[in-house]
Structure formats: structure tokens, C-alpha cells
Amino acid sequence: MPGALHVNSAQTYDAAALAGLGLIQAPLLGIGQYFKSGALVEIMPDFRRRALPVSLIVAHRSNLSRRVRAFMKWIEDVLTPYLE
């Protein structure tokens, strides 16, 4: 494709794709709503990027409070669908 568009924000990146200015590679977390509405379509599913690992870092793994464990489980449940 001749030419290039450079942006410095995710919103501008999404807007460029919605305006039909080219192809983008973006996380489903940010553009999933556009797939559901039909505003964007996936055209190269064989070239999806592998999911990035996400880690929670705590000061000490031993003796974590129930609240911390509950938060860790909750955030895992929330993020898992977007990271697969």
C-alpha cells in the first residue's frame, strides 16, 4: 500500500480504521465493539498476534489476604476473554 499514516493515540488509530484508511492490528479489547456492530471486519484471521502474557505482581506470595486472592481471581476472570 502506498503511503503511511502515523498516529499517536489509540482513538485516532481506531478512527482511521473506521474511516477506511487502511488495515490495523489492534487488541480485541479496544475494537471488539466495532466487530459486534459490523463497523469493522476481520480480514486476515490467520495472522492474529499471539496473546501477550499478563502478570500480577505482589510483594510476598505467602500469606496473601483473602481480599488480595479474591481480587486476583476477579481480575483473571475479567481479563481472560480479552487475552485469548
Protein backbone atom coordinates (compact mmCIF):
# COMPACT_ATOMS: atom_id res chain seq x y z
CA MET A 1 0.00 0.00 0.00
CA PRO A 2 1.47 3.35 -0.91
CA GLY A 3 1.73 5.91 1.84
CA ALA A 4 1.56 5.61 5.56
CA LEU A 5 -0.42 7.13 8.38
CA HIS A 6 1.19 7.66 11.75
CA VAL A 7 -0.91 8.39 14.82
CA ASN A 8 -0.15 8.92 18.48
CA SER A 9 -3.34 7.73 20.15
CA ALA A 10 -5.46 4.61 20.15
CA GLN A 11 -8.60 6.64 19.45
CA THR A 12 -7.06 8.13 16.29
CA TYR A 13 -5.87 4.68 15.24
CA ASP A 14 -9.39 3.29 15.62
CA ALA A 15 -10.90 6.31 13.83
CA ALA A 16 -8.54 5.81 10.88
CA ALA A 17 -9.68 2.20 10.53
CA LEU A 18 -13.34 3.18 10.83
CA ALA A 19 -12.79 5.81 8.11
CA GLY A 20 -11.40 3.11 5.81
CA LEU A 21 -7.86 4.46 5.70
CA GLY A 22 -6.22 1.05 5.79
CA LEU A 23 -5.63 -2.08 7.82
CA ILE A 24 -4.87 -2.10 11.52
CA GLN A 25 -3.73 -4.68 14.02
CA ALA A 26 -5.28 -3.86 17.36
CA PRO A 27 -6.23 -5.71 20.55
CA LEU A 28 -9.77 -7.06 20.68
CA LEU A 29 -10.23 -5.25 23.97
CA GLY A 30 -10.16 -1.92 22.14
CA ILE A 31 -12.00 -2.73 18.91
CA GLY A 32 -14.30 -5.62 19.83
CA GLN A 33 -17.30 -3.30 19.91
CA TYR A 34 -16.71 -2.42 16.26
CA PHE A 35 -16.73 -6.10 15.28
CA LYS A 36 -20.03 -6.62 17.09
CA SER A 37 -21.63 -3.63 15.35
CA GLY A 38 -20.23 -4.61 11.95
CA ALA A 39 -18.28 -1.35 11.57
CA LEU A 40 -15.04 -3.37 11.23
CA VAL A 41 -14.45 -6.88 9.95
CA GLU A 42 -11.51 -9.20 10.41
CA ILE A 43 -9.88 -9.90 7.07
CA MET A 44 -6.73 -11.86 7.94
CA PRO A 45 -7.56 -14.20 10.84
CA ASP A 46 -4.53 -16.40 10.08
CA PHE A 47 -2.25 -13.52 11.03
CA ARG A 48 -3.53 -12.81 14.51
CA ARG A 49 -0.94 -11.84 17.04
CA ARG A 50 -0.37 -14.26 19.89
CA ALA A 51 -1.83 -13.21 23.22
CA LEU A 52 0.55 -11.32 25.47
CA PRO A 53 1.18 -12.69 28.94
CA VAL A 54 -0.16 -10.68 31.85
CA SER A 55 1.23 -10.96 35.36
CA LEU A 56 0.12 -9.74 38.76
CA ILE A 57 2.99 -8.77 40.99
CA VAL A 58 2.66 -8.86 44.76
CA ALA A 59 5.25 -8.13 47.41
CA HIS A 60 5.03 -11.56 49.05
CA ARG A 61 3.29 -14.62 47.65
CA SER A 62 2.99 -16.28 51.04
CA ASN A 63 0.20 -15.28 53.38
CA LEU A 64 -1.84 -13.31 50.85
CA SER A 65 -5.03 -11.97 52.35
CA ARG A 66 -8.37 -13.27 51.15
CA ARG A 67 -9.08 -9.86 49.67
CA VAL A 68 -5.93 -9.98 47.55
CA ARG A 69 -6.69 -13.53 46.43
CA ALA A 70 -10.28 -12.53 45.58
CA PHE A 71 -9.00 -9.57 43.56
CA MET A 72 -6.52 -11.77 41.71
CA LYS A 73 -9.28 -14.23 40.79
CA TRP A 74 -11.64 -11.43 39.76
CA ILE A 75 -9.10 -9.69 37.51
CA GLU A 76 -8.20 -13.03 35.93
CA ASP A 77 -11.87 -13.70 35.14
CA VAL A 78 -12.33 -10.21 33.72
CA LEU A 79 -9.24 -10.20 31.51
CA THR A 80 -9.16 -13.80 30.25
CA PRO A 81 -11.71 -13.35 27.44
CA TYR A 82 -9.74 -10.40 26.07
CA LEU A 83 -6.33 -12.06 26.21
CA GLU A 84 -7.09 -15.33 24.44
